Amino acid sequence: MNIIITFALLAIVVALAMAGRALLKDGRDGAPKSNRMLHALALRVALSVTLFLFILFSYKMGWIHPTGIPI
């Protein structure tokens, strides 16, 4: 379970880095702007929502349990 969540978080960071690179590279030297940043940010949002839903699904299936703070 930890490997899946770690991989998903790494993919989210990579998508954010791709968006940053597209922001810095697009439109330089008279080149037309592309939609690379838009697609990278849309991918990041989709990965984040998917990770959130996967964590909720894992909790419902009993694969993960909240530890909580003892009262």
PDB file of N, CA and C in Angstrom:
ATOM      1  N   MET A   1       0.832  -1.187   0.000  1.00  0.00           N
ATOM      2  CA  MET A   1       0.000   0.000   0.000  1.00  0.00           C
ATOM      3  C   MET A   1       0.881   1.257   0.000  1.00  0.00           C
ATOM      4  N   ASN A   2       1.941   1.233   0.809  1.00  0.00           N
ATOM      5  CA  ASN A   2       2.830   2.400   0.866  1.00  0.00           C
ATOM      6  C   ASN A   2       3.511   2.653  -0.471  1.00  0.00           C
ATOM      7  N   ILE A   3       3.814   1.576  -1.190  1.00  0.00           N
ATOM      8  CA  ILE A   3       4.482   1.724  -2.482  1.00  0.00           C
ATOM      9  C   ILE A   3       3.553   2.403  -3.489  1.00  0.00           C
ATOM     10  N   ILE A   4       2.275   2.034  -3.477  1.00  0.00           N
ATOM     11  CA  ILE A   4       1.315   2.631  -4.405  1.00  0.00           C
ATOM     12  C   ILE A   4       1.140   4.116  -4.113  1.00  0.00           C
ATOM     13  N   ILE A   5       0.990   4.458  -2.856  1.00  0.00           N
ATOM     14  CA  ILE A   5       0.806   5.862  -2.480  1.00  0.00           C
ATOM     15  C   ILE A   5       2.061   6.671  -2.782  1.00  0.00           C
ATOM     16  N   THR A   6       3.232   6.102  -2.512  1.00  0.00           N
ATOM     17  CA  THR A   6       4.489   6.795  -2.805  1.00  0.00           C
ATOM     18  C   THR A   6       4.643   7.016  -4.305  1.00  0.00           C
ATOM     19  N   PHE A   7       4.322   6.002  -5.095  1.00  0.00           N
ATOM     20  CA  PHE A   7       4.402   6.136  -6.549  1.00  0.00           C
ATOM     21  C   PHE A   7       3.433   7.207  -7.049  1.00  0.00           C
ATOM     22  N   ALA A   8       2.234   7.245  -6.502  1.00  0.00           N
ATOM     23  CA  ALA A   8       1.248   8.246  -6.925  1.00  0.00           C
ATOM     24  C   ALA A   8       1.713   9.661  -6.561  1.00  0.00           C
ATOM     25  N   LEU A   9       2.255   9.839  -5.369  1.00  0.00           N
ATOM     26  CA  LEU A   9       2.754  11.158  -4.977  1.00  0.00           C
ATOM     27  C   LEU A   9       3.931  11.580  -5.847  1.00  0.00           C
ATOM     28  N   LEU A  10       4.797  10.633  -6.189  1.00  0.00           N
ATOM     29  CA  LEU A  10       5.918  10.941  -7.075  1.00  0.00           C
ATOM     30  C   LEU A  10       5.417  11.339  -8.462  1.00  0.00           C
ATOM     31  N   ALA A  11       4.396  10.656  -8.955  1.00  0.00           N
ATOM     32  CA  ALA A  11       3.820  10.994 -10.262  1.00  0.00           C
ATOM     33  C   ALA A  11       3.201  12.392 -10.234  1.00  0.00           C
ATOM     34  N   ILE A  12       2.585  12.763  -9.122  1.00  0.00           N
ATOM     35  CA  ILE A  12       1.999  14.102  -8.987  1.00  0.00           C
ATOM     36  C   ILE A  12       3.091  15.172  -9.028  1.00  0.00           C
ATOM     37  N   VAL A  13       4.206  14.920  -8.350  1.00  0.00           N
ATOM     38  CA  VAL A  13       5.317  15.881  -8.349  1.00  0.00           C
ATOM     39  C   VAL A  13       5.940  15.982  -9.745  1.00  0.00           C
ATOM     40  N   VAL A  14       6.064  14.855 -10.441  1.00  0.00           N
ATOM     41  CA  VAL A  14       6.609  14.873 -11.801  1.00  0.00           C
ATOM     42  C   VAL A  14       5.694  15.664 -12.736  1.00  0.00           C
ATOM     43  N   ALA A  15       4.380  15.497 -12.603  1.00  0.00           N
ATOM     44  CA  ALA A  15       3.447  16.254 -13.437  1.00  0.00           C
ATOM     45  C   ALA A  15       3.557  17.750 -13.148  1.00  0.00           C
ATOM     46  N   LEU A  16       3.769  18.102 -11.890  1.00  0.00           N
ATOM     47  CA  LEU A  16       3.952  19.512 -11.542  1.00  0.00           C
ATOM     48  C   LEU A  16       5.247  20.054 -12.137  1.00  0.00           C
ATOM     49  N   ALA A  17       6.300  19.249 -12.123  1.00  0.00           N
ATOM     50  CA  ALA A  17       7.567  19.667 -12.724  1.00  0.00           C
ATOM     51  C   ALA A  17       7.423  19.826 -14.240  1.00  0.00           C
ATOM     52  N   MET A  18       6.654  18.946 -14.865  1.00  0.00           N
ATOM     53  CA  MET A  18       6.410  19.068 -16.308  1.00  0.00           C
ATOM     54  C   MET A  18       5.680  20.370 -16.617  1.00  0.00           C
ATOM     55  N   ALA A  19       4.737  20.748 -15.776  1.00  0.00           N
ATOM     56  CA  ALA A  19       4.010  22.003 -15.977  1.00  0.00           C
ATOM     57  C   ALA A  19       4.948  23.198 -15.808  1.00  0.00           C
ATOM     58  N   GLY A  20       5.819  23.134 -14.830  1.00  0.00           N
ATOM     59  CA  GLY A  20       6.781  24.217 -14.630  1.00  0.00           C
ATOM     60  C   GLY A  20       7.735  24.354 -15.795  1.00  0.00           C
ATOM     61  N   ARG A  21       8.186  23.233 -16.320  1.00  0.00           N
ATOM     62  CA  ARG A  21       9.083  23.264 -17.478  1.00  0.00           C
ATOM     63  C   ARG A  21       8.357  23.832 -18.691  1.00  0.00           C
ATOM     64  N   ALA A  22       7.105  23.442 -18.878  1.00  0.00           N
ATOM     65  CA  ALA A  22       6.337  23.972 -20.004  1.00  0.00           C
ATOM     66  C   ALA A  22       6.120  25.470 -19.856  1.00  0.00           C
ATOM     67  N   LEU A  23       5.922  25.927 -18.630  1.00  0.00           N
ATOM     68  CA  LEU A  23       5.740  27.357 -18.387  1.00  0.00           C
ATOM     69  C   LEU A  23       6.989  28.138 -18.784  1.00  0.00           C
ATOM     70  N   LEU A  24       8.150  27.581 -18.485  1.00  0.00           N
ATOM     71  CA  LEU A  24       9.392  28.282 -18.786  1.00  0.00           C
ATOM     72  C   LEU A  24       9.795  28.186 -20.255  1.00  0.00           C
ATOM     73  N   LYS A  25       9.412  27.120 -20.948  1.00  0.00           N
ATOM     74  CA  LYS A  25       9.878  26.898 -22.319  1.00  0.00           C
ATOM     75  C   LYS A  25       8.923  27.416 -23.387  1.00  0.00           C
ATOM     76  N   ASP A  26       7.631  27.388 -23.159  1.00  0.00           N
ATOM     77  CA  ASP A  26       6.667  27.750 -24.201  1.00  0.00           C
ATOM     78  C   ASP A  26       6.732  29.226 -24.538  1.00  0.00           C
ATOM     79  N   GLY A  27       6.616  29.529 -25.824  1.00  0.00           N
ATOM     80  CA  GLY A  27       6.536  30.906 -26.279  1.00  0.00           C
ATOM     81  C   GLY A  27       7.857  31.628 -26.368  1.00  0.00           C
ATOM     82  N   ARG A  28       8.958  30.924 -26.204  1.00  0.00           N
ATOM     83  CA  ARG A  28      10.273  31.571 -26.292  1.00  0.00           C
ATOM     84  C   ARG A  28      10.728  31.628 -27.742  1.00  0.00           C
ATOM     85  N   ASP A  29      11.484  32.619 -28.060  1.00  0.00           N
ATOM     86  CA  ASP A  29      12.086  32.789 -29.393  1.00  0.00           C
ATOM     87  C   ASP A  29      11.038  32.823 -30.499  1.00  0.00           C
ATOM     88  N   GLY A  30       9.896  33.388 -30.233  1.00  0.00           N
ATOM     89  CA  GLY A  30       8.869  33.542 -31.245  1.00  0.00           C
ATOM     90  C   GLY A  30       8.084  32.286 -31.557  1.00  0.00           C
ATOM     91  N   ALA A  31       8.331  31.207 -30.828  1.00  0.00           N
ATOM     92  CA  ALA A  31       7.587  29.961 -31.065  1.00  0.00           C
ATOM     93  C   ALA A  31       6.183  30.116 -30.511  1.00  0.00           C
ATOM     94  N   PRO A  32       5.205  29.517 -31.170  1.00  0.00           N
ATOM     95  CA  PRO A  32       3.829  29.612 -30.645  1.00  0.00           C
ATOM     96  C   PRO A  32       3.684  28.824 -29.343  1.00  0.00           C
ATOM     97  N   LYS A  33       2.795  29.303 -28.509  1.00  0.00           N
ATOM     98  CA  LYS A  33       2.561  28.616 -27.242  1.00  0.00           C
ATOM     99  C   LYS A  33       1.761  27.341 -27.476  1.00  0.00           C
ATOM    100  N   SER A  34       2.074  26.321 -26.692  1.00  0.00           N
ATOM    101  CA  SER A  34       1.351  25.056 -26.806  1.00  0.00           C
ATOM    102  C   SER A  34       0.496  24.854 -25.551  1.00  0.00           C
ATOM    103  N   ASN A  35      -0.221  23.764 -25.520  1.00  0.00           N
ATOM    104  CA  ASN A  35      -1.072  23.448 -24.371  1.00  0.00           C
ATOM    105  C   ASN A  35      -0.406  22.462 -23.422  1.00  0.00           C
ATOM    106  N   ARG A  36       0.928  22.384 -23.448  1.00  0.00           N
ATOM    107  CA  ARG A  36       1.625  21.408 -22.602  1.00  0.00           C
ATOM    108  C   ARG A  36       1.410  21.677 -21.120  1.00  0.00           C
ATOM    109  N   MET A  37       1.433  22.942 -20.719  1.00  0.00           N
ATOM    110  CA  MET A  37       1.236  23.249 -19.305  1.00  0.00           C
ATOM    111  C   MET A  37      -0.183  22.896 -18.870  1.00  0.00           C
ATOM    112  N   LEU A  38      -1.148  23.195 -19.711  1.00  0.00           N
ATOM    113  CA  LEU A  38      -2.540  22.861 -19.406  1.00  0.00           C
ATOM    114  C   LEU A  38      -2.712  21.357 -19.224  1.00  0.00           C
ATOM    115  N   HIS A  39      -2.130  20.584 -20.113  1.00  0.00           N
ATOM    116  CA  HIS A  39      -2.252  19.133 -20.032  1.00  0.00           C
ATOM    117  C   HIS A  39      -1.524  18.573 -18.799  1.00  0.00           C
ATOM    118  N   ALA A  40      -0.365  19.134 -18.471  1.00  0.00           N
ATOM    119  CA  ALA A  40       0.387  18.665 -17.302  1.00  0.00           C
ATOM    120  C   ALA A  40      -0.376  18.972 -16.008  1.00  0.00           C
ATOM    121  N   LEU A  41      -0.975  20.154 -15.924  1.00  0.00           N
ATOM    122  CA  LEU A  41      -1.728  20.492 -14.714  1.00  0.00           C
ATOM    123  C   LEU A  41      -3.022  19.685 -14.617  1.00  0.00           C
ATOM    124  N   ALA A  42      -3.655  19.412 -15.759  1.00  0.00           N
ATOM    125  CA  ALA A  42      -4.845  18.567 -15.758  1.00  0.00           C
ATOM    126  C   ALA A  42      -4.489  17.152 -15.318  1.00  0.00           C
ATOM    127  N   LEU A  43      -3.338  16.662 -15.758  1.00  0.00           N
ATOM    128  CA  LEU A  43      -2.867  15.342 -15.323  1.00  0.00           C
ATOM    129  C   LEU A  43      -2.615  15.330 -13.823  1.00  0.00           C
ATOM    130  N   ARG A  44      -2.023  16.399 -13.298  1.00  0.00           N
ATOM    131  CA  ARG A  44      -1.750  16.473 -11.859  1.00  0.00           C
ATOM    132  C   ARG A  44      -3.039  16.452 -11.048  1.00  0.00           C
ATOM    133  N   VAL A  45      -4.045  17.187 -11.502  1.00  0.00           N
ATOM    134  CA  VAL A  45      -5.329  17.199 -10.799  1.00  0.00           C
ATOM    135  C   VAL A  45      -5.980  15.824 -10.864  1.00  0.00           C
ATOM    136  N   ALA A  46      -5.933  15.195 -12.027  1.00  0.00           N
ATOM    137  CA  ALA A  46      -6.522  13.857 -12.175  1.00  0.00           C
ATOM    138  C   ALA A  46      -5.816  12.840 -11.276  1.00  0.00           C
ATOM    139  N   LEU A  47      -4.493  12.917 -11.192  1.00  0.00           N
ATOM    140  CA  LEU A  47      -3.760  12.004 -10.317  1.00  0.00           C
ATOM    141  C   LEU A  47      -4.090  12.253  -8.845  1.00  0.00           C
ATOM    142  N   SER A  48      -4.233  13.512  -8.461  1.00  0.00           N
ATOM    143  CA  SER A  48      -4.556  13.841  -7.071  1.00  0.00           C
ATOM    144  C   SER A  48      -5.945  13.326  -6.687  1.00  0.00           C
ATOM    145  N   VAL A  49      -6.913  13.525  -7.558  1.00  0.00           N
ATOM    146  CA  VAL A  49      -8.273  13.044  -7.286  1.00  0.00           C
ATOM    147  C   VAL A  49      -8.299  11.525  -7.235  1.00  0.00           C
ATOM    148  N   THR A  50      -7.578  10.883  -8.159  1.00  0.00           N
ATOM    149  CA  THR A  50      -7.519   9.424  -8.172  1.00  0.00           C
ATOM    150  C   THR A  50      -6.880   8.890  -6.893  1.00  0.00           C
ATOM    151  N   LEU A  51      -5.809   9.528  -6.435  1.00  0.00           N
ATOM    152  CA  LEU A  51      -5.171   9.102  -5.190  1.00  0.00           C
ATOM    153  C   LEU A  51      -6.122   9.256  -4.012  1.00  0.00           C
ATOM    154  N   PHE A  52      -6.830  10.369  -3.952  1.00  0.00           N
ATOM    155  CA  PHE A  52      -7.785  10.594  -2.866  1.00  0.00           C
ATOM    156  C   PHE A  52      -8.876   9.524  -2.874  1.00  0.00           C
ATOM    157  N   LEU A  53      -9.417   9.231  -4.058  1.00  0.00           N
ATOM    158  CA  LEU A  53     -10.457   8.202  -4.151  1.00  0.00           C
ATOM    159  C   LEU A  53      -9.916   6.820  -3.810  1.00  0.00           C
ATOM    160  N   PHE A  54      -8.668   6.543  -4.188  1.00  0.00           N
ATOM    161  CA  PHE A  54      -8.061   5.263  -3.854  1.00  0.00           C
ATOM    162  C   PHE A  54      -7.879   5.113  -2.342  1.00  0.00           C
ATOM    163  N   ILE A  55      -7.500   6.192  -1.676  1.00  0.00           N
ATOM    164  CA  ILE A  55      -7.348   6.134  -0.214  1.00  0.00           C
ATOM    165  C   ILE A  55      -8.707   5.912   0.448  1.00  0.00           C
ATOM    166  N   LEU A  56      -9.749   6.583  -0.038  1.00  0.00           N
ATOM    167  CA  LEU A  56     -11.090   6.353   0.506  1.00  0.00           C
ATOM    168  C   LEU A  56     -11.545   4.903   0.272  1.00  0.00           C
ATOM    169  N   PHE A  57     -11.289   4.388  -0.932  1.00  0.00           N
ATOM    170  CA  PHE A  57     -11.648   3.011  -1.258  1.00  0.00           C
ATOM    171  C   PHE A  57     -10.880   2.020  -0.372  1.00  0.00           C
ATOM    172  N   SER A  58      -9.606   2.292  -0.150  1.00  0.00           N
ATOM    173  CA  SER A  58      -8.787   1.421   0.697  1.00  0.00           C
ATOM    174  C   SER A  58      -9.312   1.400   2.131  1.00  0.00           C
ATOM    175  N   TYR A  59      -9.750   2.544   2.600  1.00  0.00           N
ATOM    176  CA  TYR A  59     -10.311   2.611   3.955  1.00  0.00           C
ATOM    177  C   TYR A  59     -11.607   1.814   4.046  1.00  0.00           C
ATOM    178  N   LYS A  60     -12.477   1.960   3.036  1.00  0.00           N
ATOM    179  CA  LYS A  60     -13.749   1.231   3.040  1.00  0.00           C
ATOM    180  C   LYS A  60     -13.540  -0.277   2.958  1.00  0.00           C
ATOM    181  N   MET A  61     -12.503  -0.709   2.223  1.00  0.00           N
ATOM    182  CA  MET A  61     -12.219  -2.135   2.079  1.00  0.00           C
ATOM    183  C   MET A  61     -11.492  -2.706   3.295  1.00  0.00           C
ATOM    184  N   GLY A  62     -11.001  -1.830   4.172  1.00  0.00           N
ATOM    185  CA  GLY A  62     -10.312  -2.291   5.370  1.00  0.00           C
ATOM    186  C   GLY A  62      -8.825  -2.537   5.175  1.00  0.00           C
ATOM    187  N   TRP A  63      -8.279  -2.070   4.054  1.00  0.00           N
ATOM    188  CA  TRP A  63      -6.861  -2.264   3.790  1.00  0.00           C
ATOM    189  C   TRP A  63      -5.999  -1.328   4.623  1.00  0.00           C
ATOM    190  N   ILE A  64      -6.525  -0.163   4.972  1.00  0.00           N
ATOM    191  CA  ILE A  64      -5.816   0.789   5.804  1.00  0.00           C
ATOM    192  C   ILE A  64      -6.709   1.170   6.975  1.00  0.00           C
ATOM    193  N   HIS A  65      -6.100   1.513   8.079  1.00  0.00           N
ATOM    194  CA  HIS A  65      -6.844   1.877   9.291  1.00  0.00           C
ATOM    195  C   HIS A  65      -6.269   3.172   9.862  1.00  0.00           C
ATOM    196  N   PRO A  66      -7.127   4.069  10.308  1.00  0.00           N
ATOM    197  CA  PRO A  66      -6.611   5.284  10.939  1.00  0.00           C
ATOM    198  C   PRO A  66      -6.036   4.957  12.303  1.00  0.00           C
ATOM    199  N   THR A  67      -4.909   5.558  12.618  1.00  0.00           N
ATOM    200  CA  THR A  67      -4.321   5.317  13.934  1.00  0.00           C
ATOM    201  C   THR A  67      -4.908   6.274  14.952  1.00  0.00           C
ATOM    202  N   GLY A  68      -5.083   7.514  14.574  1.00  0.00           N
ATOM    203  CA  GLY A  68      -5.681   8.505  15.467  1.00  0.00           C
ATOM    204  C   GLY A  68      -4.787   8.832  16.653  1.00  0.00           C
ATOM    205  N   ILE A  69      -5.200   9.815  17.376  1.00  0.00           N
ATOM    206  CA  ILE A  69      -4.482  10.226  18.587  1.00  0.00           C
ATOM    207  C   ILE A  69      -5.325   9.767  19.758  1.00  0.00           C
ATOM    208  N   PRO A  70      -4.745   8.986  20.672  1.00  0.00           N
ATOM    209  CA  PRO A  70      -5.540   8.519  21.816  1.00  0.00           C
ATOM    210  C   PRO A  70      -6.026   9.687  22.676  1.00  0.00           C
ATOM    211  N   ILE A  71      -7.270   9.599  23.089  1.00  0.00           N
ATOM    212  CA  ILE A  71      -7.856  10.656  23.898  1.00  0.00           C
ATOM    213  C   ILE A  71      -7.619  10.358  25.366  1.00  0.00           C
TER     214      ILE A  71
END
